[in-house]
Amino acid sequence: MKFIISFISMLLIVTNSVLLLSQYHVYSSSLDADEASYFYEQEIELKFKADKIIVKQHFNNLPSEKIAVVWPISSENRSCDLSKNSDCDRLTEDLTAFKEGESSSQSISYEIPLLDGLKEAQIFSDFLVKLDKGGVSYTTLHITDELKRGGMWVSGLSVLGNTSLDLIDYSLSIGEGDVKELYWQKEVVPIQYEDNNYSLYSHKEIPKELIGQLEQLHLPNREHVSVLFSNKKLEMNSSRIAFIESEDIVSIQRELIVKHVQLIYGIDSPDTLLAEVISSFLLDQPIGSEKARWMYDTLVSYLTTDQLENWKLALEKNKQVDAEKLDTMLTNILKLKTSFFTFNVQAGAEHFPLLFEDSRPVYINELEQENMKVLFKEGKVLYSVEPLLSELGYTINDTDKGLYVQNATRAFRFPIQEPFYVLNQKRYDAMSEPFEKIGAVYYIEEAWMIRLFLLDVEKEEKRINIKQSGLF
């Protein structure tokens, strides 16, 4: 048995040596300030017994500086491991760090208790040692079960092979990146489709439409993902293992592509709108909700060919995004300020059009208004109503009979879609509507703003000044 395992390990090392070097270069050359400062390779041996897991973890390509060792909270019997003919010259006596040194390989061992044994549909998380400020470029994972319980192991890595010998069950997996979670179940589900990015486990044939989408999906810093189509309701916040109950194409898109994009881009919101829009650009076709599809079509229709290419490149380069960050990226590409994503997230089911803003800050009576928006729409200049009128001392009440605006001496009523308004109980005809609702927010057209609320507007190069010309 040891000979078989050793032979497979040696074969992997030889056949993947060139790949490892290229992968390490790609990882190292794409570092951001908030990411790992170095990358290492690891080989993990997991031996499952009745009441514990014996873990041997071998680190390679370690940098020479001091490295803190972060042990799993539940780990016991921590020690150096000498079974790989490696020494422990860098492991400190208290086992908390690798000291500075030239040795680029170190090995450790520890145990993880299994108080209830290995249970059906069990998920292991945070059970492996991590190296502080380090990232994993490549992992080789050996799993040995001395109780021969069978079943299947899923880690997100590609499974190279499984075998059942006289005394043990053995599984070998390899691939880029770390092992973040490990899953076991008794029922063995076959792999219906596999490529460099995905392994799809299912008892049914995978729809060709989904396979086509997966083959053209290019995610930044892509790691292999294991996907199980199962009627078991399992929740796992993992970027490398996904469980999908329904096999219709919309559910698969949402659960596999969209949720994975959420994890990669750090989108915490339970609303999947932003992830759906990003997914659409990564796939070059609209997917997701009706609003996400509309937002994708809106941007594709507006952007030039060069701008669209730059937008896709920006999505590939930026990992952590939210609505505000996406707006900044889009603003930089268009050279026009927009809050397209922010407004659409805030608007719920409402569609907020692609509008551009005056980037100058607005001052009302010499006080800067941080929440004031000035939009350009169809030749009109629109000011957000609430911060404007609140600063001028008016209250605003939106009712089914219209918009009521009043202060101590002036009371307005603006009916909805009616060509008049009422001021202090006197009716005045209006050739156009002063107010416009975009999304969930009211805006007032500039000329009406000046006329109705007796204001002077002065536009300087770096600011917009609004002052009251009269008091009533």
Protein backbone atom coordinates (compact mmCIF):
# COMPACT_ATOMS: atom_id res chain seq x y z
CA MET A 1 0.00 0.00 0.00
CA LYS A 2 2.77 2.44 0.90
CA PHE A 3 4.46 1.64 -2.39
CA ILE A 4 1.27 2.44 -4.32
CA ILE A 5 0.80 5.76 -2.54
CA SER A 6 4.46 6.68 -2.94
CA PHE A 7 4.40 5.80 -6.63
CA ILE A 8 1.30 7.93 -7.29
CA SER A 9 2.80 10.83 -5.35
CA MET A 10 6.06 10.64 -7.31
CA LEU A 11 4.15 10.51 -10.60
CA LEU A 12 2.20 13.62 -9.63
CA ILE A 13 5.34 15.53 -8.72
CA VAL A 14 6.99 14.73 -12.04
CA THR A 15 4.01 15.39 -14.29
CA ASN A 16 3.01 18.63 -12.57
CA SER A 17 6.41 20.23 -11.96
CA VAL A 18 6.24 22.59 -14.92
CA LEU A 19 2.61 23.40 -14.15
CA LEU A 20 3.47 24.24 -10.57
CA LEU A 21 6.14 26.70 -11.61
CA SER A 22 3.84 28.50 -14.02
CA GLN A 23 1.00 28.56 -11.47
CA TYR A 24 3.28 29.97 -8.82
CA HIS A 25 4.41 32.70 -11.18
CA VAL A 26 0.79 33.62 -12.03
CA TYR A 27 -0.22 33.77 -8.38
CA SER A 28 2.85 35.74 -7.34
CA SER A 29 2.58 38.28 -10.13
CA SER A 30 -1.05 39.12 -9.37
CA LEU A 31 -0.77 40.08 -5.72
CA ASP A 32 -2.75 42.98 -4.29
CA ALA A 33 -1.98 44.85 -1.10
CA ASP A 34 -4.65 42.97 0.86
CA GLU A 35 -3.66 39.54 -0.42
CA ALA A 36 -1.04 37.01 0.63
CA SER A 37 2.55 38.25 0.65
CA TYR A 38 3.91 34.86 -0.44
CA PHE A 39 2.66 31.51 -1.76
CA TYR A 40 3.59 27.98 -0.79
CA GLU A 41 2.68 24.47 -1.91
CA GLN A 42 1.34 21.83 0.43
CA GLU A 43 0.81 18.09 0.60
CA ILE A 44 -1.80 16.89 3.07
CA GLU A 45 -2.26 13.36 4.40
CA LEU A 46 -5.54 12.69 6.22
CA LYS A 47 -5.91 9.34 7.99
CA PHE A 48 -9.46 8.78 9.26
CA LYS A 49 -9.83 6.53 12.29
CA ALA A 50 -12.91 5.76 14.38
CA ASP A 51 -12.59 8.77 16.69
CA LYS A 52 -10.07 11.14 15.09
CA ILE A 53 -8.27 12.36 11.99
CA ILE A 54 -4.48 12.14 11.96
CA VAL A 55 -3.18 14.99 9.83
CA LYS A 56 0.27 15.29 8.32
CA GLN A 57 0.84 18.56 6.51
CA HIS A 58 3.95 19.18 4.41
CA PHE A 59 4.84 22.73 3.31
CA ASN A 60 7.13 23.47 0.36
CA ASN A 61 8.59 26.63 -1.21
CA LEU A 62 8.52 28.47 2.11
CA PRO A 63 10.14 31.91 2.25
CA SER A 64 13.13 32.40 4.53
CA GLU A 65 11.49 34.91 6.89
CA LYS A 66 9.70 34.05 10.12
CA ILE A 67 6.17 32.68 9.57
CA ALA A 68 3.44 32.36 12.19
CA VAL A 69 1.72 28.97 12.24
CA VAL A 70 -2.06 29.15 12.77
CA TRP A 71 -3.34 25.87 14.21
CA PRO A 72 -6.98 24.73 14.05
CA ILE A 73 -8.68 25.41 17.38
CA SER A 74 -9.74 21.77 17.75
CA SER A 75 -6.31 20.31 16.92
CA GLU A 76 -4.50 18.12 19.46
CA ASN A 77 -1.09 16.42 19.82
CA ARG A 78 0.65 19.03 17.71
CA SER A 79 4.20 18.17 16.73
CA CYS A 80 6.82 18.08 14.02
CA ASP A 81 6.55 15.26 11.47
CA LEU A 82 9.70 13.43 10.42
CA SER A 83 8.11 10.80 8.21
CA LYS A 84 9.01 12.67 5.00
CA ASN A 85 12.72 12.80 5.93
CA SER A 86 12.38 16.52 6.57
CA ASP A 87 13.81 18.23 9.60
CA CYS A 88 12.20 20.62 12.07
CA ASP A 89 14.96 23.16 12.27
CA ARG A 90 12.56 26.06 11.72
CA LEU A 91 9.68 25.04 13.98
CA THR A 92 9.85 26.91 17.29
CA GLU A 93 9.68 25.02 20.59
CA ASP A 94 6.23 26.39 21.34
CA LEU A 95 5.09 25.33 17.82
CA THR A 96 3.72 28.79 17.02
CA ALA A 97 6.00 29.72 14.11
CA PHE A 98 8.62 28.73 11.58
CA LYS A 99 11.80 30.66 12.40
CA GLU A 100 13.90 32.46 9.82
CA GLY A 101 15.90 29.90 7.90
CA GLU A 102 16.99 28.56 4.54
CA SER A 103 15.03 25.30 4.71
CA SER A 104 12.09 25.72 2.31
CA SER A 105 10.25 22.58 3.44
CA GLN A 106 8.76 21.79 6.84
CA SER A 107 6.33 19.11 8.01
CA ILE A 108 3.96 19.00 10.97
CA SER A 109 1.41 16.57 12.35
CA TYR A 110 -1.66 16.92 14.56
CA GLU A 111 -5.00 15.28 15.31
CA ILE A 112 -8.60 16.44 14.88
CA PRO A 113 -11.04 14.66 17.24
CA LEU A 114 -14.14 13.00 15.78
CA LEU A 115 -16.34 12.88 18.85
CA ASP A 116 -19.24 11.29 17.00
CA GLY A 117 -17.21 9.49 14.38
CA LEU A 118 -17.62 10.20 10.68
CA LYS A 119 -21.24 11.16 10.06
CA GLU A 120 -23.30 11.15 6.87
CA ALA A 121 -23.09 14.39 4.85
CA GLN A 122 -20.37 15.74 7.14
CA ILE A 123 -18.64 19.02 6.32
CA PHE A 124 -15.22 19.86 7.76
CA SER A 125 -14.21 23.52 7.88
CA ASP A 126 -11.15 25.29 9.32
CA PHE A 127 -9.52 21.95 10.14
CA LEU A 128 -6.12 22.54 8.50
CA VAL A 129 -3.09 24.58 9.57
CA LYS A 130 -2.68 27.96 7.85
CA LEU A 131 0.48 30.01 7.52
CA ASP A 132 0.04 33.66 8.42
CA LYS A 133 0.04 36.04 5.43
CA GLY A 134 0.60 33.08 3.12
CA GLY A 135 -1.46 31.71 0.27
CA VAL A 136 -1.56 28.20 -1.15
CA SER A 137 -0.59 27.87 -4.79
CA TYR A 138 -1.07 24.10 -5.10
CA THR A 139 -2.36 21.24 -2.96
CA THR A 140 -1.99 17.47 -3.06
CA LEU A 141 -4.55 15.76 -0.83
CA HIS A 142 -4.34 12.11 0.31
CA ILE A 143 -7.31 10.68 2.22
CA THR A 144 -7.08 7.27 3.90
CA ASP A 145 -10.01 5.64 5.73
CA GLU A 146 -8.97 2.74 7.96
CA LEU A 147 -12.59 1.79 8.62
CA LYS A 148 -13.34 1.33 4.89
CA ARG A 149 -16.61 3.24 5.04
CA GLY A 150 -16.62 3.85 1.28
CA GLY A 151 -18.56 6.87 0.06
CA MET A 152 -17.12 9.91 -1.69
CA TRP A 153 -14.88 12.81 -0.65
CA VAL A 154 -15.29 16.30 -2.14
CA SER A 155 -12.80 19.11 -1.53
CA GLY A 156 -13.01 21.37 -4.58
CA LEU A 157 -9.82 19.84 -5.95
CA SER A 158 -9.84 17.54 -8.98
CA VAL A 159 -10.09 13.90 -7.92
CA LEU A 160 -7.27 11.94 -9.51
CA GLY A 161 -8.47 8.56 -8.29
CA ASN A 162 -10.11 6.39 -5.65
CA THR A 163 -9.29 2.84 -4.68
CA SER A 164 -10.35 0.30 -2.07
CA LEU A 165 -7.54 -1.93 -0.82
CA ASP A 166 -7.61 -4.77 1.67
CA LEU A 167 -7.16 -2.58 4.73
CA ILE A 168 -8.07 0.94 3.64
CA ASP A 169 -10.05 3.15 1.28
CA TYR A 170 -7.83 5.71 -0.46
CA SER A 171 -8.55 8.91 -2.39
CA LEU A 172 -6.12 11.28 -4.13
CA SER A 173 -6.94 14.85 -5.23
CA ILE A 174 -4.77 17.60 -6.67
CA GLY A 175 -5.16 21.17 -7.84
CA GLU A 176 -4.50 24.86 -7.55
CA GLY A 177 -5.28 26.66 -4.32
CA ASP A 178 -6.15 25.58 -0.80
CA VAL A 179 -8.56 23.07 0.71
CA LYS A 180 -11.07 25.26 2.52
CA GLU A 181 -13.73 22.62 3.22
CA LEU A 182 -14.02 18.86 2.98
CA TYR A 183 -17.28 16.96 2.49
CA TRP A 184 -18.12 13.25 2.83
CA GLN A 185 -21.25 11.28 2.03
CA LYS A 186 -21.99 7.57 1.80
CA GLU A 187 -23.70 7.62 -1.60
CA VAL A 188 -21.27 7.80 -4.53
CA VAL A 189 -22.45 10.19 -7.27
CA PRO A 190 -20.71 9.92 -10.65
CA ILE A 191 -18.97 12.84 -12.35
CA GLN A 192 -20.98 13.77 -15.44
CA TYR A 193 -18.75 16.61 -16.62
CA GLU A 194 -15.26 17.80 -15.73
CA ASP A 195 -12.82 20.38 -17.03
CA ASN A 196 -10.09 22.56 -15.54
CA ASN A 197 -12.69 24.63 -13.72
CA TYR A 198 -15.52 22.31 -12.69
CA SER A 199 -16.38 18.79 -11.62
CA LEU A 200 -20.14 18.22 -11.85
CA TYR A 201 -21.50 15.28 -9.82
CA SER A 202 -24.97 14.13 -10.83
CA HIS A 203 -27.09 11.04 -11.47
CA LYS A 204 -28.53 12.84 -14.53
CA GLU A 205 -26.93 14.14 -17.70
CA ILE A 206 -25.86 17.81 -17.51
CA PRO A 207 -27.74 20.16 -19.92
CA LYS A 208 -25.61 21.14 -22.91
CA GLU A 209 -26.61 24.78 -22.46
CA LEU A 210 -25.03 24.85 -18.98
CA ILE A 211 -21.85 23.16 -20.22
CA GLY A 212 -21.57 25.76 -22.97
CA GLN A 213 -21.89 28.58 -20.45
CA LEU A 214 -19.36 27.04 -18.09
CA GLU A 215 -16.85 26.59 -20.90
CA GLN A 216 -17.00 30.28 -21.81
CA LEU A 217 -17.09 31.60 -18.24
CA HIS A 218 -13.79 33.26 -17.37
CA LEU A 219 -13.54 34.23 -13.71
CA PRO A 220 -10.47 36.00 -12.27
CA ASN A 221 -8.12 33.80 -10.21
CA ARG A 222 -10.27 30.80 -10.99
CA GLU A 223 -9.98 27.75 -8.75
CA HIS A 224 -11.52 24.39 -9.52
CA VAL A 225 -15.05 23.95 -8.12
CA SER A 226 -16.90 20.76 -7.21
CA VAL A 227 -20.66 20.84 -7.82
CA LEU A 228 -23.07 18.25 -6.41
CA PHE A 229 -26.60 18.00 -7.75
CA SER A 230 -28.43 16.61 -4.74
CA ASN A 231 -31.83 16.69 -3.09
CA LYS A 232 -30.09 17.21 0.26
CA LYS A 233 -30.47 20.74 1.61
CA LEU A 234 -26.90 21.60 2.58
CA GLU A 235 -25.69 25.14 3.25
CA MET A 236 -22.00 25.79 2.71
CA ASN A 237 -20.49 29.24 2.22
CA SER A 238 -17.66 27.89 0.10
CA SER A 239 -16.06 29.13 -3.09
CA ARG A 240 -15.02 25.60 -4.06
CA ILE A 241 -17.97 23.32 -3.22
CA ALA A 242 -21.56 23.95 -4.32
CA PHE A 243 -24.76 21.99 -3.65
CA ILE A 244 -27.63 22.45 -6.10
CA GLU A 245 -31.09 20.93 -5.64
CA SER A 246 -32.83 21.96 -8.86
CA GLU A 247 -31.36 21.09 -12.25
CA ASP A 248 -33.18 23.70 -14.35
CA ILE A 249 -30.83 26.10 -16.10
CA VAL A 250 -31.97 29.23 -14.20
CA SER A 251 -31.39 27.60 -10.79
CA ILE A 252 -28.01 26.31 -11.89
CA GLN A 253 -26.99 29.76 -13.10
CA ARG A 254 -28.04 31.33 -9.81
CA GLU A 255 -26.59 28.70 -7.50
CA LEU A 256 -23.38 27.97 -9.37
CA ILE A 257 -22.33 30.97 -11.41
CA VAL A 258 -23.94 33.89 -9.57
CA LYS A 259 -23.16 32.69 -6.04
CA HIS A 260 -19.60 31.91 -7.04
CA VAL A 261 -19.24 35.43 -8.45
CA GLN A 262 -20.56 36.78 -5.13
CA LEU A 263 -17.83 34.94 -3.28
CA ILE A 264 -15.04 35.90 -5.67
CA TYR A 265 -16.00 39.58 -5.73
CA GLY A 266 -16.79 39.81 -2.00
CA ILE A 267 -20.42 40.85 -2.56
CA ASP A 268 -21.97 40.37 0.88
CA SER A 269 -25.48 41.55 0.12
CA PRO A 270 -28.16 38.82 0.02
CA ASP A 271 -29.49 40.59 -3.07
CA THR A 272 -27.87 38.90 -6.07
CA LEU A 273 -28.42 41.81 -8.49
CA LEU A 274 -24.79 42.97 -8.69
CA ALA A 275 -23.47 39.41 -9.01
CA GLU A 276 -26.00 38.69 -11.77
CA VAL A 277 -24.90 41.75 -13.75
CA ILE A 278 -21.21 40.86 -13.35
CA SER A 279 -21.97 37.26 -14.32
CA SER A 280 -23.70 38.48 -17.46
CA PHE A 281 -20.60 40.37 -18.56
CA LEU A 282 -18.35 37.42 -17.77
CA LEU A 283 -20.62 35.20 -19.89
CA ASP A 284 -21.23 37.82 -22.61
CA GLN A 285 -24.96 37.18 -22.31
CA PRO A 286 -27.68 38.38 -19.93
CA ILE A 287 -28.64 36.00 -17.10
CA GLY A 288 -30.45 36.32 -13.80
CA SER A 289 -33.42 38.48 -12.91
CA GLU A 290 -35.29 40.69 -15.36
CA LYS A 291 -33.70 43.79 -13.82
CA ALA A 292 -30.17 42.35 -14.04
CA ARG A 293 -30.76 41.54 -17.71
CA TRP A 294 -32.06 45.08 -18.30
CA MET A 295 -28.99 46.61 -16.61
CA TYR A 296 -26.68 44.44 -18.73
CA ASP A 297 -28.52 45.39 -21.96
CA THR A 298 -28.51 49.08 -20.95
CA LEU A 299 -24.74 49.17 -20.50
CA VAL A 300 -23.97 47.06 -23.58
CA SER A 301 -26.16 49.37 -25.69
CA TYR A 302 -24.46 52.51 -24.39
CA LEU A 303 -20.79 51.50 -24.21
CA THR A 304 -18.59 51.71 -27.27
CA THR A 305 -16.60 48.65 -28.31
CA ASP A 306 -13.45 49.98 -26.62
CA GLN A 307 -15.34 51.04 -23.50
CA LEU A 308 -16.99 47.62 -23.25
CA GLU A 309 -13.63 45.89 -23.50
CA ASN A 310 -12.16 48.18 -20.82
CA TRP A 311 -15.18 47.51 -18.60
CA LYS A 312 -14.68 43.74 -18.84
CA LEU A 313 -10.97 44.15 -18.08
CA ALA A 314 -11.84 46.27 -15.04
CA LEU A 315 -14.18 43.51 -13.79
CA GLU A 316 -11.42 40.93 -14.16
CA LYS A 317 -8.89 43.06 -12.25
CA ASN A 318 -11.08 44.16 -9.34
CA LYS A 319 -12.03 41.42 -6.85
CA GLN A 320 -13.70 43.23 -3.97
CA VAL A 321 -16.58 45.33 -5.29
CA ASP A 322 -19.86 46.85 -4.21
CA ALA A 323 -22.30 49.17 -5.97
CA GLU A 324 -20.22 52.27 -5.19
CA LYS A 325 -17.00 50.64 -6.44
CA LEU A 326 -18.70 49.54 -9.67
CA ASP A 327 -19.94 53.10 -10.20
CA THR A 328 -16.41 54.42 -9.74
CA MET A 329 -15.08 51.92 -12.27
CA LEU A 330 -17.80 52.84 -14.77
CA THR A 331 -17.24 56.56 -14.18
CA ASN A 332 -13.53 56.18 -14.94
CA ILE A 333 -14.29 54.42 -18.20
CA LEU A 334 -17.01 56.80 -19.38
CA LYS A 335 -15.29 59.96 -18.05
CA LEU A 336 -18.74 60.91 -16.79
CA LYS A 337 -19.93 60.51 -13.22
CA THR A 338 -22.73 58.00 -12.70
CA SER A 339 -24.41 56.18 -9.82
CA PHE A 340 -26.08 53.59 -12.03
CA PHE A 341 -25.36 50.62 -9.76
CA THR A 342 -25.92 52.43 -6.46
CA PHE A 343 -29.28 53.83 -7.53
CA ASN A 344 -30.48 50.50 -8.92
CA VAL A 345 -29.54 48.64 -5.74
CA GLN A 346 -31.41 51.25 -3.68
CA ALA A 347 -34.41 51.31 -6.01
CA GLY A 348 -35.43 47.70 -5.39
CA ALA A 349 -37.59 46.48 -8.28
CA GLU A 350 -37.59 49.93 -9.92
CA HIS A 351 -35.34 50.49 -12.93
CA PHE A 352 -33.03 53.48 -12.55
CA PRO A 353 -31.82 54.59 -16.01
CA LEU A 354 -28.20 55.20 -16.92
CA LEU A 355 -27.88 58.89 -16.06
CA PHE A 356 -24.89 61.12 -15.53
CA GLU A 357 -24.23 63.57 -12.74
CA ASP A 358 -22.64 66.91 -12.21
CA SER A 359 -19.52 66.02 -10.24
CA ARG A 360 -19.29 69.44 -8.58
CA PRO A 361 -20.34 69.66 -4.91
CA VAL A 362 -23.52 71.62 -4.19
CA TYR A 363 -23.61 74.36 -1.56
CA ILE A 364 -26.91 75.71 -0.21
CA ASN A 365 -26.50 79.00 1.63
CA GLU A 366 -22.75 78.25 1.86
CA LEU A 367 -23.28 74.80 3.43
CA GLU A 368 -22.04 71.82 1.42
CA GLN A 369 -24.71 69.17 0.79
CA GLU A 370 -23.03 65.76 0.77
CA ASN A 371 -26.21 63.89 -0.23
CA MET A 372 -27.19 66.26 -3.03
CA LYS A 373 -27.36 64.75 -6.53
CA VAL A 374 -27.53 66.75 -9.74
CA LEU A 375 -28.54 64.62 -12.73
CA PHE A 376 -28.64 65.24 -16.47
CA LYS A 377 -31.61 63.68 -18.25
CA GLU A 378 -32.90 64.38 -21.75
CA GLY A 379 -31.59 67.93 -21.75
CA LYS A 380 -32.87 68.69 -18.24
CA VAL A 381 -30.88 69.39 -15.06
CA LEU A 382 -32.47 67.66 -12.07
CA TYR A 383 -31.76 68.20 -8.35
CA SER A 384 -32.63 65.68 -5.66
CA VAL A 385 -35.59 67.08 -3.75
CA GLU A 386 -35.24 65.82 -0.19
CA PRO A 387 -31.81 67.28 0.73
CA LEU A 388 -32.59 70.53 -1.12
CA LEU A 389 -35.96 71.32 0.45
CA SER A 390 -35.02 70.02 3.88
CA GLU A 391 -32.09 72.45 3.98
CA LEU A 392 -34.45 75.26 2.91
CA GLY A 393 -36.80 74.47 5.81
CA TYR A 394 -39.59 72.65 3.97
CA THR A 395 -41.29 69.40 4.91
CA ILE A 396 -42.19 66.88 2.21
CA ASN A 397 -45.12 64.46 2.25
CA ASP A 398 -45.73 62.03 -0.60
CA THR A 399 -49.42 60.97 -0.74
CA ASP A 400 -51.82 59.40 -3.23
CA LYS A 401 -53.15 62.92 -3.97
CA GLY A 402 -49.77 64.33 -4.80
CA LEU A 403 -46.62 65.75 -3.28
CA TYR A 404 -47.14 68.19 -0.40
CA VAL A 405 -44.31 70.66 0.30
CA GLN A 406 -44.62 73.34 2.96
CA ASN A 407 -42.93 75.56 5.51
CA ALA A 408 -44.35 78.08 7.98
CA THR A 409 -45.68 80.46 5.29
CA ARG A 410 -45.86 78.55 1.99
CA ALA A 411 -47.82 75.37 1.23
CA PHE A 412 -47.55 73.59 -2.13
CA ARG A 413 -49.43 70.64 -3.58
CA PHE A 414 -48.17 69.02 -6.77
CA PRO A 415 -50.66 66.51 -8.23
CA ILE A 416 -49.33 63.40 -9.92
CA GLN A 417 -49.23 63.81 -13.72
CA GLU A 418 -51.54 66.84 -13.71
CA PRO A 419 -50.65 70.14 -15.48
CA PHE A 420 -51.03 72.43 -12.46
CA TYR A 421 -49.90 73.04 -8.89
CA VAL A 422 -51.41 74.68 -5.83
CA LEU A 423 -49.67 77.36 -3.73
CA ASN A 424 -51.39 78.54 -0.54
CA GLN A 425 -54.74 77.21 -1.87
CA LYS A 426 -54.38 79.06 -5.21
CA ARG A 427 -54.13 77.01 -8.39
CA TYR A 428 -51.50 77.73 -11.06
CA ASP A 429 -51.24 76.11 -14.50
CA ALA A 430 -48.00 74.36 -15.37
CA MET A 431 -46.75 73.64 -18.90
CA SER A 432 -44.49 70.86 -17.58
CA GLU A 433 -44.17 68.84 -14.42
CA PRO A 434 -41.74 70.33 -11.86
CA PHE A 435 -40.99 67.00 -10.19
CA GLU A 436 -39.87 63.67 -11.57
CA LYS A 437 -39.56 60.41 -9.72
CA ILE A 438 -36.59 58.29 -10.75
CA GLY A 439 -36.41 54.99 -8.96
CA ALA A 440 -37.61 55.76 -5.45
CA VAL A 441 -36.30 59.35 -5.35
CA TYR A 442 -37.94 62.64 -6.36
CA TYR A 443 -36.01 65.21 -8.41
CA ILE A 444 -36.93 68.77 -9.40
CA GLU A 445 -36.05 70.42 -12.70
CA GLU A 446 -33.65 73.36 -12.30
CA ALA A 447 -35.84 76.09 -13.84
CA TRP A 448 -38.83 75.06 -11.69
CA MET A 449 -36.60 74.91 -8.61
CA ILE A 450 -35.46 78.49 -9.13
CA ARG A 451 -38.97 79.78 -9.86
CA LEU A 452 -40.97 77.98 -7.17
CA PHE A 453 -38.56 78.28 -4.27
CA LEU A 454 -37.09 81.68 -5.10
CA LEU A 455 -33.48 80.61 -5.54
CA ASP A 456 -30.37 81.88 -7.27
CA VAL A 457 -28.05 79.27 -8.81
CA GLU A 458 -24.44 80.14 -9.54
CA LYS A 459 -22.23 77.54 -11.20
CA GLU A 460 -18.50 77.88 -10.70
CA GLU A 461 -15.77 75.64 -12.04
CA LYS A 462 -15.49 73.59 -8.85
CA ARG A 463 -18.84 74.05 -7.12
CA ILE A 464 -22.53 74.90 -7.52
CA ASN A 465 -23.92 77.61 -5.23
CA ILE A 466 -27.64 77.79 -4.39
CA LYS A 467 -28.92 80.75 -2.41
CA GLN A 468 -32.35 82.01 -1.47
CA SER A 469 -33.26 85.19 -3.30
CA GLY A 470 -36.33 85.82 -1.16
CA LEU A 471 -37.87 84.67 2.12
CA PHE A 472 -41.52 83.92 2.64
